C-alpha atoms as a PDB file:
ATOM      1  CA  MET A   1      35.118  17.117  47.493  1.00  0.00           C
ATOM      2  CA  SER A   2      33.992  20.631  48.535  1.00  0.00           C
ATOM      3  CA  VAL A   3      34.514  21.858  52.053  1.00  0.00           C
ATOM      4  CA  THR A   4      31.423  22.006  54.288  1.00  0.00           C
ATOM      5  CA  VAL A   5      30.458  23.950  57.418  1.00  0.00           C
ATOM      6  CA  ARG A   6      30.781  20.674  59.252  1.00  0.00           C
ATOM      7  CA  ASP A   7      34.440  20.314  58.169  1.00  0.00           C
ATOM      8  CA  ILE A   8      35.168  23.833  59.474  1.00  0.00           C
ATOM      9  CA  ALA A   9      33.320  23.096  62.757  1.00  0.00           C
ATOM     10  CA  ARG A  10      35.327  19.889  63.240  1.00  0.00           C
ATOM     11  CA  GLU A  11      38.658  21.624  62.565  1.00  0.00           C
ATOM     12  CA  ALA A  12      37.873  24.538  64.882  1.00  0.00           C
ATOM     13  CA  GLY A  13      36.363  22.453  67.604  1.00  0.00           C
ATOM     14  CA  VAL A  14      33.095  24.369  67.709  1.00  0.00           C
ATOM     15  CA  SER A  15      29.444  23.758  66.759  1.00  0.00           C
ATOM     16  CA  ILE A  16      28.083  24.144  63.260  1.00  0.00           C
ATOM     17  CA  GLY A  17      25.814  27.068  64.482  1.00  0.00           C
ATOM     18  CA  THR A  18      28.940  28.896  65.767  1.00  0.00           C
ATOM     19  CA  VAL A  19      30.574  28.476  62.302  1.00  0.00           C
ATOM     20  CA  SER A  20      27.446  29.785  60.610  1.00  0.00           C
ATOM     21  CA  ARG A  21      27.317  32.840  62.816  1.00  0.00           C
ATOM     22  CA  ALA A  22      30.977  33.581  62.211  1.00  0.00           C
ATOM     23  CA  LEU A  23      30.715  33.247  58.455  1.00  0.00           C
ATOM     24  CA  LYS A  24      27.459  35.297  58.329  1.00  0.00           C
ATOM     25  CA  ASN A  25      29.108  37.941  60.585  1.00  0.00           C
ATOM     26  CA  GLN A  26      26.172  37.614  62.975  1.00  0.00           C
ATOM     27  CA  PRO A  27      26.354  38.784  66.672  1.00  0.00           C
ATOM     28  CA  GLY A  28      26.928  36.597  69.651  1.00  0.00           C
ATOM     29  CA  LEU A  29      30.592  35.658  69.193  1.00  0.00           C
ATOM     30  CA  ALA A  30      33.818  36.874  70.594  1.00  0.00           C
ATOM     31  CA  GLU A  31      35.895  38.531  67.928  1.00  0.00           C
ATOM     32  CA  ASP A  32      38.836  36.125  68.443  1.00  0.00           C
ATOM     33  CA  THR A  33      36.592  33.170  67.771  1.00  0.00           C
ATOM     34  CA  ARG A  34      35.106  34.772  64.663  1.00  0.00           C
ATOM     35  CA  ARG A  35      38.555  35.513  63.263  1.00  0.00           C
ATOM     36  CA  GLN A  36      39.750  31.978  64.077  1.00  0.00           C
ATOM     37  CA  ILE A  37      36.854  30.362  62.262  1.00  0.00           C
ATOM     38  CA  ARG A  38      37.182  32.616  59.263  1.00  0.00           C
ATOM     39  CA  ALA A  39      40.940  31.849  59.133  1.00  0.00           C
ATOM     40  CA  ILE A  40      40.219  28.091  59.137  1.00  0.00           C
ATOM     41  CA  ALA A  41      37.531  28.413  56.506  1.00  0.00           C
ATOM     42  CA  SER A  42      39.975  30.297  54.297  1.00  0.00           C
ATOM     43  CA  LYS A  43      42.713  27.663  54.911  1.00  0.00           C
ATOM     44  CA  LEU A  44      40.354  24.883  53.948  1.00  0.00           C
ATOM     45  CA  GLY A  45      39.139  26.634  50.837  1.00  0.00           C
ATOM     46  CA  TYR A  46      35.503  27.082  51.863  1.00  0.00           C
ATOM     47  CA  ASP A  47      33.234  28.857  49.346  1.00  0.00           C
ATOM     48  CA  SER A  48      31.642  31.574  51.368  1.00  0.00           C
ATOM     49  CA  GLY A  49      28.897  32.073  48.756  1.00  0.00           C
ATOM     50  CA  LYS A  50      27.281  28.916  50.085  1.00  0.00           C
ATOM     51  CA  LEU A  51      26.102  30.679  53.209  1.00  0.00           C
ATOM     52  CA  GLN A  52      23.403  33.123  52.085  1.00  0.00           C
ATOM     53  CA  PRO A  53      21.238  34.781  54.752  1.00  0.00           C
ATOM     54  CA  ARG A  54      17.690  33.391  54.852  1.00  0.00           C
ATOM     55  CA  LYS A  55      15.164  35.703  53.135  1.00  0.00           C
ATOM     56  CA  VAL A  56      13.031  37.609  55.613  1.00  0.00           C
ATOM     57  CA  LYS A  57       9.473  37.537  54.442  1.00  0.00           C
ATOM     58  CA  LYS A  58       7.644  37.974  57.705  1.00  0.00           C
ATOM     59  CA  LEU A  59       8.742  40.082  60.688  1.00  0.00           C
ATOM     60  CA  ALA A  60       7.367  40.243  64.256  1.00  0.00           C
ATOM     61  CA  PHE A  61       7.628  43.650  66.064  1.00  0.00           C
ATOM     62  CA  LEU A  62       7.775  42.805  69.765  1.00  0.00           C
ATOM     63  CA  LEU A  63       6.878  45.255  72.534  1.00  0.00           C
ATOM     64  CA  HIS A  64       6.966  44.540  76.214  1.00  0.00           C
ATOM     65  CA  ARG A  65       3.550  44.616  77.841  1.00  0.00           C
ATOM     66  CA  GLN A  66       4.633  47.397  80.173  1.00  0.00           C
ATOM     67  CA  HIS A  67       5.226  49.657  77.174  1.00  0.00           C
ATOM     68  CA  ASN A  68       1.849  48.970  75.609  1.00  0.00           C
ATOM     69  CA  THR A  69       0.239  51.821  77.410  1.00  0.00           C
ATOM     70  CA  LEU A  70      -1.309  55.197  76.362  1.00  0.00           C
ATOM     71  CA  ALA A  71       1.671  57.130  77.728  1.00  0.00           C
ATOM     72  CA  ASN A  72       4.133  55.059  75.605  1.00  0.00           C
ATOM     73  CA  THR A  73       1.987  54.841  72.472  1.00  0.00           C
ATOM     74  CA  PRO A  74       3.194  58.094  70.844  1.00  0.00           C
ATOM     75  CA  PHE A  75       6.877  56.974  70.911  1.00  0.00           C
ATOM     76  CA  PHE A  76       6.459  53.316  69.924  1.00  0.00           C
ATOM     77  CA  SER A  77       3.789  54.043  67.334  1.00  0.00           C
ATOM     78  CA  ALA A  78       6.192  56.319  65.529  1.00  0.00           C
ATOM     79  CA  VAL A  79       8.913  53.578  65.708  1.00  0.00           C
ATOM     80  CA  LEU A  80       6.473  51.037  64.355  1.00  0.00           C
ATOM     81  CA  HIS A  81       5.594  53.404  61.520  1.00  0.00           C
ATOM     82  CA  GLY A  82       9.290  53.420  60.531  1.00  0.00           C
ATOM     83  CA  VAL A  83       9.325  49.644  60.654  1.00  0.00           C
ATOM     84  CA  GLU A  84       6.257  49.390  58.441  1.00  0.00           C
ATOM     85  CA  GLU A  85       7.817  51.760  55.862  1.00  0.00           C
ATOM     86  CA  ALA A  86      10.978  49.720  55.685  1.00  0.00           C
ATOM     87  CA  CYS A  87       9.053  46.424  55.464  1.00  0.00           C
ATOM     88  CA  ARG A  88       6.895  47.771  52.720  1.00  0.00           C
ATOM     89  CA  ALA A  89       9.933  48.774  50.679  1.00  0.00           C
ATOM     90  CA  GLU A  90      11.473  45.279  51.156  1.00  0.00           C
ATOM     91  CA  GLY A  91       8.351  43.265  50.553  1.00  0.00           C
ATOM     92  CA  ILE A  92       8.145  42.051  54.176  1.00  0.00           C
ATOM     93  CA  VAL A  93       4.951  41.470  56.095  1.00  0.00           C
ATOM     94  CA  PRO A  94       5.226  42.876  59.639  1.00  0.00           C
ATOM     95  CA  SER A  95       3.067  41.841  62.656  1.00  0.00           C
ATOM     96  CA  PHE A  96       2.799  43.269  66.117  1.00  0.00           C
ATOM     97  CA  LEU A  97       2.963  41.270  69.362  1.00  0.00           C
ATOM     98  CA  SER A  98       2.867  42.563  72.920  1.00  0.00           C
ATOM     99  CA  VAL A  99       4.411  40.168  75.418  1.00  0.00           C
ATOM    100  CA  GLY A 100       5.266  39.778  79.076  1.00  0.00           C
ATOM    101  CA  PRO A 101       7.378  37.415  81.217  1.00  0.00           C
ATOM    102  CA  MET A 102       4.469  35.177  82.045  1.00  0.00           C
ATOM    103  CA  ASP A 103       3.180  34.751  78.523  1.00  0.00           C
ATOM    104  CA  PRO A 104       3.453  31.533  76.440  1.00  0.00           C
ATOM    105  CA  ILE A 105       5.815  33.299  74.093  1.00  0.00           C
ATOM    106  CA  ALA A 106       6.823  30.246  72.071  1.00  0.00           C
ATOM    107  CA  ASP A 107       3.155  29.541  71.301  1.00  0.00           C
ATOM    108  CA  GLN A 108       2.481  33.154  70.367  1.00  0.00           C
ATOM    109  CA  LEU A 109       5.474  33.303  68.033  1.00  0.00           C
ATOM    110  CA  ARG A 110       4.430  30.033  66.455  1.00  0.00           C
ATOM    111  CA  LEU A 111       1.143  31.634  65.491  1.00  0.00           C
ATOM    112  CA  HIS A 112       2.891  34.661  63.853  1.00  0.00           C
ATOM    113  CA  ASP A 113       5.524  32.401  62.289  1.00  0.00           C
ATOM    114  CA  PRO A 114       8.062  35.241  61.710  1.00  0.00           C
ATOM    115  CA  ASP A 115      11.384  34.850  60.006  1.00  0.00           C
ATOM    116  CA  ALA A 116      12.938  37.557  62.222  1.00  0.00           C
ATOM    117  CA  LEU A 117      12.223  39.434  65.484  1.00  0.00           C
ATOM    118  CA  LEU A 118      12.465  43.170  66.109  1.00  0.00           C
ATOM    119  CA  CYS A 119      12.285  43.971  69.913  1.00  0.00           C
ATOM    120  CA  ALA A 120      11.528  47.501  70.903  1.00  0.00           C
ATOM    121  CA  GLY A 121      12.135  49.031  74.360  1.00  0.00           C
ATOM    122  CA  PHE A 122      12.872  47.273  77.620  1.00  0.00           C
ATOM    123  CA  PHE A 123      12.903  43.483  77.923  1.00  0.00           C
ATOM    124  CA  GLU A 124      14.154  41.355  80.858  1.00  0.00           C
ATOM    125  CA  PRO A 125      17.327  39.377  80.058  1.00  0.00           C
ATOM    126  CA  GLU A 126      15.308  36.198  80.557  1.00  0.00           C
ATOM    127  CA  LEU A 127      12.932  37.231  77.748  1.00  0.00           C
ATOM    128  CA  LEU A 128      15.803  38.099  75.483  1.00  0.00           C
ATOM    129  CA  GLN A 129      17.191  34.570  75.930  1.00  0.00           C
ATOM    130  CA  VAL A 130      13.761  33.155  75.095  1.00  0.00           C
ATOM    131  CA  PHE A 131      13.788  35.092  71.862  1.00  0.00           C
ATOM    132  CA  ARG A 132      17.436  34.080  71.094  1.00  0.00           C
ATOM    133  CA  ALA A 133      16.458  30.381  71.624  1.00  0.00           C
ATOM    134  CA  THR A 134      14.135  30.557  68.606  1.00  0.00           C
ATOM    135  CA  GLY A 135      17.258  30.718  66.349  1.00  0.00           C
ATOM    136  CA  LYS A 136      15.710  33.644  64.398  1.00  0.00           C
ATOM    137  CA  PRO A 137      17.608  36.833  63.533  1.00  0.00           C
ATOM    138  CA  ILE A 138      17.001  39.435  66.224  1.00  0.00           C
ATOM    139  CA  ALA A 139      17.651  43.194  66.425  1.00  0.00           C
ATOM    140  CA  LEU A 140      16.859  45.561  69.364  1.00  0.00           C
ATOM    141  CA  ILE A 141      15.547  49.116  69.250  1.00  0.00           C
ATOM    142  CA  ASP A 142      15.930  51.439  72.264  1.00  0.00           C
ATOM    143  CA  LEU A 143      17.757  48.654  74.156  1.00  0.00           C
ATOM    144  CA  LEU A 144      21.363  47.431  74.357  1.00  0.00           C
ATOM    145  CA  ALA A 145      22.382  43.863  75.276  1.00  0.00           C
ATOM    146  CA  ASP A 146      25.599  41.880  74.634  1.00  0.00           C
ATOM    147  CA  GLY A 147      25.472  39.756  71.546  1.00  0.00           C
ATOM    148  CA  PHE A 148      22.492  41.492  69.936  1.00  0.00           C
ATOM    149  CA  LEU A 149      22.285  43.944  67.029  1.00  0.00           C
ATOM    150  CA  SER A 150      20.799  47.226  68.215  1.00  0.00           C
ATOM    151  CA  VAL A 151      19.961  50.767  67.355  1.00  0.00           C
ATOM    152  CA  ASN A 152      19.508  53.510  70.010  1.00  0.00           C
ATOM    153  CA  PRO A 153      19.260  57.308  70.232  1.00  0.00           C
ATOM    154  CA  ASP A 154      22.187  58.983  71.851  1.00  0.00           C
ATOM    155  CA  ASN A 155      20.550  58.925  75.314  1.00  0.00           C
ATOM    156  CA  GLN A 156      23.618  59.991  77.272  1.00  0.00           C
ATOM    157  CA  GLN A 157      24.277  62.907  75.011  1.00  0.00           C
ATOM    158  CA  GLY A 158      20.572  63.903  75.262  1.00  0.00           C
ATOM    159  CA  GLY A 159      20.694  63.866  79.021  1.00  0.00           C
ATOM    160  CA  TYR A 160      23.842  66.036  78.915  1.00  0.00           C
ATOM    161  CA  LEU A 161      22.218  68.537  76.579  1.00  0.00           C
ATOM    162  CA  ALA A 162      19.042  68.776  78.550  1.00  0.00           C
ATOM    163  CA  THR A 163      20.834  69.515  81.852  1.00  0.00           C
ATOM    164  CA  GLN A 164      23.396  71.773  80.232  1.00  0.00           C
ATOM    165  CA  HIS A 165      20.535  73.836  78.672  1.00  0.00           C
ATOM    166  CA  LEU A 166      19.013  74.336  82.165  1.00  0.00           C
ATOM    167  CA  LEU A 167      22.333  75.347  83.600  1.00  0.00           C
ATOM    168  CA  LEU A 168      22.802  77.923  80.922  1.00  0.00           C
ATOM    169  CA  GLN A 169      19.362  79.377  81.830  1.00  0.00           C
ATOM    170  CA  GLY A 170      20.788  80.001  85.392  1.00  0.00           C
ATOM    171  CA  ARG A 171      19.074  77.109  87.108  1.00  0.00           C
ATOM    172  CA  LYS A 172      20.814  75.865  90.263  1.00  0.00           C
ATOM    173  CA  ARG A 173      18.719  73.057  91.585  1.00  0.00           C
ATOM    174  CA  ILE A 174      18.022  70.720  88.729  1.00  0.00           C
ATOM    175  CA  ALA A 175      16.016  67.610  89.527  1.00  0.00           C
ATOM    176  CA  PHE A 176      15.983  64.332  87.563  1.00  0.00           C
ATOM    177  CA  LEU A 177      12.645  62.630  87.419  1.00  0.00           C
ATOM    178  CA  SER A 178      13.388  59.042  86.611  1.00  0.00           C
ATOM    179  CA  GLY A 179      11.617  55.893  85.630  1.00  0.00           C
ATOM    180  CA  PRO A 180      13.047  52.406  86.438  1.00  0.00           C
ATOM    181  CA  LEU A 181      16.753  52.430  86.015  1.00  0.00           C
ATOM    182  CA  ALA A 182      16.633  48.813  84.786  1.00  0.00           C
ATOM    183  CA  HIS A 183      15.747  50.480  81.476  1.00  0.00           C
ATOM    184  CA  TYR A 184      18.924  51.112  79.400  1.00  0.00           C
ATOM    185  CA  SER A 185      17.673  54.413  77.870  1.00  0.00           C
ATOM    186  CA  ILE A 186      16.774  55.857  81.307  1.00  0.00           C
ATOM    187  CA  ARG A 187      20.189  54.890  82.760  1.00  0.00           C
ATOM    188  CA  GLU A 188      21.985  56.578  79.918  1.00  0.00           C
ATOM    189  CA  ARG A 189      19.935  59.787  80.227  1.00  0.00           C
ATOM    190  CA  PHE A 190      20.671  59.785  83.954  1.00  0.00           C
ATOM    191  CA  ARG A 191      24.397  59.374  83.297  1.00  0.00           C
ATOM    192  CA  GLY A 192      24.299  62.364  80.844  1.00  0.00           C
ATOM    193  CA  HIS A 193      22.506  64.475  83.450  1.00  0.00           C
ATOM    194  CA  ARG A 194      25.056  63.578  86.120  1.00  0.00           C
ATOM    195  CA  GLN A 195      28.009  64.250  83.704  1.00  0.00           C
ATOM    196  CA  ALA A 196      26.577  67.764  82.892  1.00  0.00           C
ATOM    197  CA  LEU A 197      26.395  68.627  86.608  1.00  0.00           C
ATOM    198  CA  PHE A 198      29.844  67.281  87.212  1.00  0.00           C
ATOM    199  CA  ASP A 199      31.305  69.302  84.275  1.00  0.00           C
ATOM    200  CA  ALA A 200      29.661  72.464  85.708  1.00  0.00           C
ATOM    201  CA  GLY A 201      31.218  71.851  89.118  1.00  0.00           C
ATOM    202  CA  ILE A 202      27.918  70.970  90.822  1.00  0.00           C
ATOM    203  CA  LEU A 203      27.579  68.107  93.290  1.00  0.00           C
ATOM    204  CA  ALA A 204      24.592  65.968  92.553  1.00  0.00           C
ATOM    205  CA  ASP A 205      21.976  66.132  95.333  1.00  0.00           C
ATOM    206  CA  PRO A 206      20.213  62.771  95.914  1.00  0.00           C
ATOM    207  CA  ALA A 207      17.165  64.608  97.169  1.00  0.00           C
ATOM    208  CA  LEU A 208      16.714  65.967  93.682  1.00  0.00           C
ATOM    209  CA  GLU A 209      16.546  62.482  92.143  1.00  0.00           C
ATOM    210  CA  ALA A 210      12.918  61.299  92.199  1.00  0.00           C
ATOM    211  CA  MET A 211      11.676  57.995  90.698  1.00  0.00           C
ATOM    212  CA  THR A 212       8.224  56.935  89.643  1.00  0.00           C
ATOM    213  CA  PRO A 213       6.788  54.314  92.007  1.00  0.00           C
ATOM    214  CA  PRO A 214       7.400  50.736  90.917  1.00  0.00           C
ATOM    215  CA  GLY A 215       4.593  49.100  89.061  1.00  0.00           C
ATOM    216  CA  MET A 216       2.797  52.455  88.422  1.00  0.00           C
ATOM    217  CA  ASP A 217       2.059  53.769  84.952  1.00  0.00           C
ATOM    218  CA  VAL A 218       4.274  56.693  83.750  1.00  0.00           C
ATOM    219  CA  GLU A 219       1.750  59.543  84.069  1.00  0.00           C
ATOM    220  CA  PRO A 220       0.419  58.996  87.634  1.00  0.00           C
ATOM    221  CA  GLY A 221       3.877  57.953  88.757  1.00  0.00           C
ATOM    222  CA  ALA A 222       5.521  61.079  87.464  1.00  0.00           C
ATOM    223  CA  TYR A 223       2.796  63.193  88.986  1.00  0.00           C
ATOM    224  CA  LEU A 224       3.556  61.673  92.450  1.00  0.00           C
ATOM    225  CA  ALA A 225       7.264  61.925  91.983  1.00  0.00           C
ATOM    226  CA  MET A 226       6.923  65.596  91.129  1.00  0.00           C
ATOM    227  CA  GLN A 227       4.810  66.222  94.226  1.00  0.00           C
ATOM    228  CA  GLN A 228       7.592  64.702  96.290  1.00  0.00           C
ATOM    229  CA  LEU A 229      10.081  67.154  94.752  1.00  0.00           C
ATOM    230  CA  LEU A 230       7.660  70.117  95.420  1.00  0.00           C
ATOM    231  CA  ALA A 231       7.478  69.037  99.082  1.00  0.00           C
ATOM    232  CA  LEU A 232      11.259  69.441  99.652  1.00  0.00           C
ATOM    233  CA  LYS A 233      12.338  72.244 101.964  1.00  0.00           C
ATOM    234  CA  GLN A 234      14.293  73.606  98.994  1.00  0.00           C
ATOM    235  CA  ARG A 235      12.340  72.584  95.940  1.00  0.00           C
ATOM    236  CA  PRO A 236      13.995  72.419  92.555  1.00  0.00           C
ATOM    237  CA  ASP A 237      14.050  75.339  90.108  1.00  0.00           C
ATOM    238  CA  ALA A 238      14.213  72.963  87.154  1.00  0.00           C
ATOM    239  CA  VAL A 239      13.281  69.320  86.256  1.00  0.00           C
ATOM    240  CA  PHE A 240      14.705  67.054  83.582  1.00  0.00           C
ATOM    241  CA  ALA A 241      12.247  64.186  83.088  1.00  0.00           C
ATOM    242  CA  PHE A 242      13.215  60.883  81.494  1.00  0.00           C
ATOM    243  CA  ASN A 243      10.571  61.188  78.809  1.00  0.00           C
ATOM    244  CA  ASP A 244       7.938  63.586  77.587  1.00  0.00           C
ATOM    245  CA  SER A 245       4.918  61.813  79.189  1.00  0.00           C
ATOM    246  CA  ALA A 246       6.627  62.160  82.618  1.00  0.00           C
ATOM    247  CA  ALA A 247       7.575  65.751  81.914  1.00  0.00           C
ATOM    248  CA  LEU A 248       3.966  66.678  80.936  1.00  0.00           C
ATOM    249  CA  SER A 249       2.607  65.017  84.108  1.00  0.00           C
ATOM    250  CA  ALA A 250       5.288  66.867  86.190  1.00  0.00           C
ATOM    251  CA  MET A 251       4.182  70.158  84.508  1.00  0.00           C
ATOM    252  CA  ARG A 252       0.526  69.390  85.527  1.00  0.00           C
ATOM    253  CA  ALA A 253       1.599  68.806  89.150  1.00  0.00           C
ATOM    254  CA  VAL A 254       3.621  72.024  89.209  1.00  0.00           C
ATOM    255  CA  GLN A 255       0.802  74.199  87.763  1.00  0.00           C
ATOM    256  CA  GLU A 256      -1.899  72.701  90.010  1.00  0.00           C
ATOM    257  CA  ALA A 257       0.331  73.670  92.972  1.00  0.00           C
ATOM    258  CA  GLY A 258       0.133  77.259  91.776  1.00  0.00           C
ATOM    259  CA  ILE A 259       3.788  77.309  90.630  1.00  0.00           C
ATOM    260  CA  ARG A 260       4.728  78.983  87.325  1.00  0.00           C
ATOM    261  CA  VAL A 261       6.464  77.247  84.425  1.00  0.00           C
ATOM    262  CA  PRO A 262       9.133  78.296  83.537  1.00  0.00           C
ATOM    263  CA  ARG A 263       9.496  81.291  85.838  1.00  0.00           C
ATOM    264  CA  ASP A 264       9.633  79.255  89.058  1.00  0.00           C
ATOM    265  CA  ILE A 265      10.406  75.805  87.659  1.00  0.00           C
ATOM    266  CA  ALA A 266      11.655  75.010  84.115  1.00  0.00           C
ATOM    267  CA  ILE A 267      10.889  71.578  82.623  1.00  0.00           C
ATOM    268  CA  VAL A 268      12.579  69.438  79.979  1.00  0.00           C
ATOM    269  CA  GLY A 269      11.406  66.156  78.553  1.00  0.00           C
ATOM    270  CA  PHE A 270      12.818  63.599  76.103  1.00  0.00           C
ATOM    271  CA  ASP A 271      11.556  62.130  72.778  1.00  0.00           C
ATOM    272  CA  ASP A 272       9.544  65.022  71.215  1.00  0.00           C
ATOM    273  CA  ILE A 273       6.244  63.328  70.905  1.00  0.00           C
ATOM    274  CA  ALA A 274       3.421  65.364  69.293  1.00  0.00           C
ATOM    275  CA  GLN A 275       1.899  66.572  72.523  1.00  0.00           C
ATOM    276  CA  THR A 276       4.990  68.526  73.537  1.00  0.00           C
ATOM    277  CA  SER A 277       4.331  71.377  71.096  1.00  0.00           C
ATOM    278  CA  LEU A 278       0.668  71.510  72.239  1.00  0.00           C
ATOM    279  CA  SER A 279       1.172  71.798  75.982  1.00  0.00           C
ATOM    280  CA  HIS A 280       0.861  75.062  77.906  1.00  0.00           C
ATOM    281  CA  PRO A 281       3.622  76.177  77.831  1.00  0.00           C
ATOM    282  CA  PRO A 282       5.056  74.054  75.007  1.00  0.00           C
ATOM    283  CA  LEU A 283       7.678  71.615  76.314  1.00  0.00           C
ATOM    284  CA  THR A 284      11.434  71.803  75.714  1.00  0.00           C
ATOM    285  CA  THR A 285      12.624  68.363  74.814  1.00  0.00           C
ATOM    286  CA  LEU A 286      15.142  66.199  73.057  1.00  0.00           C
ATOM    287  CA  ARG A 287      14.008  65.248  69.533  1.00  0.00           C
ATOM    288  CA  ILE A 288      14.552  61.627  68.305  1.00  0.00           C
ATOM    289  CA  ASP A 289      13.982  60.495  64.791  1.00  0.00           C
ATOM    290  CA  LYS A 290      11.680  57.698  65.884  1.00  0.00           C
ATOM    291  CA  GLU A 291      10.754  56.488  62.462  1.00  0.00           C
ATOM    292  CA  GLU A 292      14.480  56.217  61.606  1.00  0.00           C
ATOM    293  CA  LEU A 293      15.035  53.985  64.673  1.00  0.00           C
ATOM    294  CA  GLY A 294      12.441  51.575  63.105  1.00  0.00           C
ATOM    295  CA  ARG A 295      13.926  51.769  59.591  1.00  0.00           C
ATOM    296  CA  ILE A 296      17.406  51.028  60.918  1.00  0.00           C
ATOM    297  CA  GLY A 297      16.143  48.113  63.046  1.00  0.00           C
ATOM    298  CA  VAL A 298      14.802  46.454  59.844  1.00  0.00           C
ATOM    299  CA  ASP A 299      18.054  47.239  58.041  1.00  0.00           C
ATOM    300  CA  LEU A 300      20.098  45.509  60.721  1.00  0.00           C
ATOM    301  CA  LEU A 301      17.977  42.398  60.394  1.00  0.00           C
ATOM    302  CA  LEU A 302      18.348  42.269  56.614  1.00  0.00           C
ATOM    303  CA  HIS A 303      21.958  43.267  56.244  1.00  0.00           C
ATOM    304  CA  GLY A 304      23.678  42.640  59.526  1.00  0.00           C
ATOM    305  CA  PRO A 305      26.009  45.017  61.426  1.00  0.00           C
ATOM    306  CA  GLY A 306      28.160  46.137  58.431  1.00  0.00           C
ATOM    307  CA  ASP A 307      31.042  48.532  59.043  1.00  0.00           C
ATOM    308  CA  GLN A 308      29.304  50.391  61.912  1.00  0.00           C
ATOM    309  CA  GLY A 309      29.350  47.372  64.312  1.00  0.00           C
ATOM    310  CA  GLU A 310      26.598  45.727  66.225  1.00  0.00           C
ATOM    311  CA  SER A 311      25.292  48.932  67.888  1.00  0.00           C
ATOM    312  CA  ARG A 312      24.212  52.009  65.992  1.00  0.00           C
ATOM    313  CA  ILE A 313      23.642  55.372  67.700  1.00  0.00           C
ATOM    314  CA  LEU A 314      21.350  58.090  66.329  1.00  0.00           C
ATOM    315  CA  PRO A 315      21.905  61.730  67.187  1.00  0.00           C
ATOM    316  CA  VAL A 316      19.415  63.655  69.239  1.00  0.00           C
ATOM    317  CA  GLU A 317      18.445  67.382  68.954  1.00  0.00           C
ATOM    318  CA  LEU A 318      17.599  69.855  71.715  1.00  0.00           C
ATOM    319  CA  VAL A 319      14.317  71.567  70.874  1.00  0.00           C
ATOM    320  CA  VAL A 320      13.941  74.615  73.030  1.00  0.00           C
ATOM    321  CA  ARG A 321      10.374  75.806  73.834  1.00  0.00           C
ATOM    322  CA  GLU A 322       8.632  77.958  76.436  1.00  0.00           C
ATOM    323  CA  SER A 323       8.796  75.494  79.301  1.00  0.00           C
ATOM    324  CA  THR A 324      12.402  76.557  79.870  1.00  0.00           C
ATOM    325  CA  VAL A 325      12.722  79.877  78.036  1.00  0.00           C
ATOM    326  CA  PRO A 326       9.929  82.466  77.946  1.00  0.00           C
ATOM    327  CA  ALA A 327       8.932  83.233  74.353  1.00  0.00           C
ATOM    328  CA  LYS A 328      10.114  86.890  74.622  1.00  0.00           C
ATOM    329  CA  HIS A 329      13.612  85.744  75.549  1.00  0.00           C
ATOM    330  CA  PRO A 330      15.912  84.081  73.017  1.00  0.00           C
ATOM    331  CA  ALA A 331      17.492  80.793  74.134  1.00  0.00           C
ATOM    332  CA  LYS A 332      21.162  80.759  74.813  1.00  0.00           C
ATOM    333  CA  THR A 333      23.308  78.700  72.488  1.00  0.00           C
ATOM    334  CA  PRO A 334      24.617  75.541  74.328  1.00  0.00           C
ATOM    335  CA  ALA A 335      28.347  75.406  74.798  1.00  0.00           C
ATOM    336  CA  LYS A 336      30.248  72.737  72.895  1.00  0.00           C
ATOM    337  CA  VAL A 337      29.801  69.359  74.562  1.00  0.00           C
ATOM    338  CA  PRO A 338      32.990  67.478  75.383  1.00  0.00           C
ATOM    339  CA  ALA A 339      33.522  64.441  73.103  1.00  0.00           C
END
């Protein structure tokens, strides 16, 4: 008689679902448990060809309701475009669903009837557990959480490069304009900013760390946060904003106060949305391959973590424009960043 998953579960003292995740190399297990189950399966002579991943025919792209705003649209629309391209190549039908903590998520998912979930941006841990309880394959984009497959830009490196660039331009009082630090990507960008200051021998000044007011949309919130920075007795001579929409709002607040960019205050954003090259002056930013984030998210759902592990990191690129370096002056080449 052939060995079944139930036989392995009984021998290992775990559930059938745990055995299935271990043999399919899915996330959510300690590595010791995974190795133990695989060893038992091998000892019992289990035919691993029996456990084939379920074919994904329909995919739901989930976005938190707080991201479904005009300010966030340029970033997540590009990510969704990458998802659609990957789905088209694989014969998968994607659908879009914007959700919040108070929504009847189970009912909404039942209407879409997806085979897999792709979650982009911030989600509360409680929402992630609701998604996990569906039993469907899940991958995260622009978010990191234990036990989930994920793909992210190198946020920390990007924060480092942004602040290092401003330091190389001779800026001394570099502010960080932040959104909610509950967001993984914002925390990592802040860490990179702090690390660049530390490596330059500069003590971080809490007065130069401004946050958008809770519950306020990015653009008006960043405008108010920038006004607070301008009201300081010693105002900043540079600002690194957590994303481009915040940076562009900060630039508007600076210019409306009669302060010149970049002569008086240099500004850097993050994401390289289309508007950055059209602003006056054009905005220095960190470029992310947003479409590739979407494509890799789909790949993770279809093929699992592979050799790269559960979390993939995409490189970012510093794009220098006139918001930090006047057009007549060439940009300095950044120093090598410590590994």
